Amino acid sequence: MNFPEELKYHEKHLWARIEGGETIIGITDYAQSQLGDIVYMELPDEGDEVEQNENFGQVESTKVVTEFTSPLSGKIIEVNYDIVDDPNKLNTDPYGEGWLIKIKLNNQDEVGNLLAASSYANAFKCQDKDDKCCK
């Protein structure tokens, strides 16, 4: 599994790349591997507000339907509509072309509620003992 050190992680398997007052949000490599092939995605609109720990969209795969839970609060300033047309980007490049939304942060203090890469990796290893990265 790949967990870039420069990102912050939410326990619901989303990441945040914080760049000043703006943040790009996406799903983790672990999450995309658990989803399998993605067949449908629903994302919010630009201009919508998201709140930390609240749902803002969903993804449907051949295995499951799951909600996206926002790691931070803010106003959506950009939506990656390319992944709606080509959801395979979530599987092939979750930290690059597979990002979901970009927000303008409402509360910088919320970043302290997120996990560092090592803490995120350790948090789910206990739940996934058969995963080769856990050995």
Protein backbone atom coordinates (compact mmCIF):
# COMPACT_ATOMS: atom_id res chain seq x y z
CA MET A 1 0.00 0.00 0.00
CA ASN A 2 1.08 3.53 -0.75
CA PHE A 3 0.63 6.30 1.87
CA PRO A 4 2.41 9.52 0.85
CA GLU A 5 3.93 11.19 3.90
CA GLU A 6 2.95 14.73 2.83
CA LEU A 7 -0.78 13.93 3.05
CA LYS A 8 -3.11 13.85 6.05
CA TYR A 9 -5.57 10.97 6.41
CA HIS A 10 -9.12 10.56 7.66
CA GLU A 11 -10.21 7.36 9.37
CA LYS A 12 -12.87 6.85 6.67
CA HIS A 13 -10.08 6.33 4.11
CA LEU A 14 -9.84 9.75 2.53
CA TRP A 15 -6.72 11.89 2.24
CA ALA A 16 -6.14 15.64 2.26
CA ARG A 17 -3.33 17.51 0.49
CA ILE A 18 -3.22 20.87 2.26
CA GLU A 19 -1.79 23.72 0.20
CA GLY A 20 -2.17 26.95 2.14
CA GLY A 21 -5.88 27.67 2.56
CA GLU A 22 -6.90 25.12 -0.07
CA THR A 23 -7.10 21.35 0.21
CA ILE A 24 -7.40 18.59 -2.38
CA ILE A 25 -9.33 15.54 -1.15
CA GLY A 26 -9.32 11.98 -2.49
CA ILE A 27 -9.60 8.34 -1.46
CA THR A 28 -6.63 6.35 -0.23
CA ASP A 29 -4.84 3.56 -2.04
CA TYR A 30 -6.18 1.18 0.60
CA ALA A 31 -9.78 2.32 -0.05
CA GLN A 32 -9.54 1.95 -3.81
CA SER A 33 -8.09 -1.55 -3.41
CA GLN A 34 -11.04 -2.55 -1.21
CA LEU A 35 -13.61 -1.08 -3.61
CA GLY A 36 -12.55 -2.97 -6.71
CA ASP A 37 -13.87 -1.84 -10.09
CA ILE A 38 -15.81 1.42 -9.79
CA VAL A 39 -19.00 1.66 -11.85
CA TYR A 40 -20.65 4.89 -10.67
CA MET A 41 -19.76 7.99 -8.71
CA GLU A 42 -21.74 10.91 -7.31
CA LEU A 43 -19.91 14.12 -6.42
CA PRO A 44 -21.17 17.46 -5.08
CA ASP A 45 -21.27 20.69 -7.05
CA GLU A 46 -18.75 23.50 -7.02
CA GLY A 47 -19.90 26.12 -4.53
CA ASP A 48 -21.37 23.54 -2.12
CA GLU A 49 -20.16 23.47 1.47
CA VAL A 50 -18.77 20.32 3.09
CA GLU A 51 -18.39 19.71 6.82
CA GLN A 52 -15.75 17.61 8.51
CA ASN A 53 -17.01 14.04 9.12
CA GLU A 54 -20.13 14.52 6.97
CA ASN A 55 -20.88 12.74 3.70
CA PHE A 56 -20.46 14.62 0.43
CA GLY A 57 -20.90 11.99 -2.27
CA GLN A 58 -20.75 8.29 -2.96
CA VAL A 59 -19.06 5.66 -5.04
CA GLU A 60 -20.50 2.39 -6.31
CA SER A 61 -18.24 -0.48 -7.20
CA THR A 62 -18.84 -4.06 -8.24
CA LYS A 63 -18.48 -4.91 -4.51
CA VAL A 64 -20.16 -2.13 -2.52
CA VAL A 65 -21.73 1.33 -2.39
CA THR A 66 -19.97 3.65 0.03
CA GLU A 67 -20.18 7.30 1.06
CA PHE A 68 -17.34 9.82 0.86
CA THR A 69 -16.82 11.42 4.30
CA SER A 70 -15.14 14.80 4.25
CA PRO A 71 -11.90 15.00 6.22
CA LEU A 72 -12.23 18.81 6.52
CA SER A 73 -14.81 21.60 6.30
CA GLY A 74 -14.88 24.14 3.50
CA LYS A 75 -16.39 25.46 0.31
CA ILE A 76 -15.92 23.32 -2.78
CA ILE A 77 -13.96 25.34 -5.32
CA GLU A 78 -13.30 22.56 -7.82
CA VAL A 79 -14.72 19.11 -8.62
CA ASN A 80 -12.78 16.51 -10.60
CA TYR A 81 -15.44 15.75 -13.20
CA ASP A 82 -12.88 13.72 -15.18
CA ILE A 83 -13.24 10.85 -12.71
CA VAL A 84 -17.00 10.76 -13.20
CA ASP A 85 -16.35 10.08 -16.89
CA ASP A 86 -13.39 7.77 -16.15
CA PRO A 87 -13.75 6.35 -12.60
CA ASN A 88 -10.88 3.95 -13.31
CA LYS A 89 -8.57 6.87 -12.37
CA LEU A 90 -9.54 6.25 -8.73
CA ASN A 91 -8.05 2.77 -9.01
CA THR A 92 -4.99 3.62 -11.08
CA ASP A 93 -3.96 6.98 -9.58
CA PRO A 94 -5.81 7.73 -6.30
CA TYR A 95 -3.24 10.35 -5.18
CA GLY A 96 -2.94 12.05 -8.57
CA GLU A 97 -5.54 12.17 -11.35
CA GLY A 98 -8.04 10.33 -9.12
CA TRP A 99 -8.62 13.20 -6.67
CA LEU A 100 -12.26 14.06 -5.85
CA ILE A 101 -12.70 17.69 -4.79
CA LYS A 102 -10.76 20.81 -3.88
CA ILE A 103 -12.00 22.98 -1.03
CA LYS A 104 -11.19 26.34 0.53
CA LEU A 105 -10.70 25.50 4.21
CA ASN A 106 -13.12 26.99 6.74
CA ASN A 107 -11.18 25.94 9.83
CA GLN A 108 -7.43 25.24 9.74
CA ASP A 109 -7.63 23.78 13.28
CA GLU A 110 -9.53 20.74 11.91
CA VAL A 111 -6.29 19.53 10.31
CA GLY A 112 -5.21 18.46 13.81
CA ASN A 113 -8.01 15.85 13.78
CA LEU A 114 -6.43 14.01 10.83
CA LEU A 115 -3.83 11.26 10.90
CA ALA A 116 -0.24 11.23 9.67
CA ALA A 117 0.59 8.54 7.10
CA SER A 118 2.16 6.19 9.66
CA SER A 119 -0.80 6.51 12.06
CA TYR A 120 -3.30 5.86 9.26
CA ALA A 121 -1.39 2.79 8.07
CA ASN A 122 -1.18 1.40 11.61
CA ALA A 123 -4.88 2.09 12.28
CA PHE A 124 -6.14 -0.28 9.60
CA LYS A 125 -3.38 -2.89 9.76
CA CYS A 126 -5.00 -4.42 12.82
CA GLN A 127 -8.21 -4.86 10.85
CA ASP A 128 -6.55 -6.42 7.80
CA LYS A 129 -4.11 -9.06 9.04
CA ASP A 130 -3.98 -10.87 5.68
CA ASP A 131 -2.74 -7.79 3.84
CA LYS A 132 0.91 -8.24 2.83
CA CYS A 133 1.78 -4.68 3.96
CA CYS A 134 0.85 -5.65 7.53
CA LYS A 135 3.52 -8.33 7.90
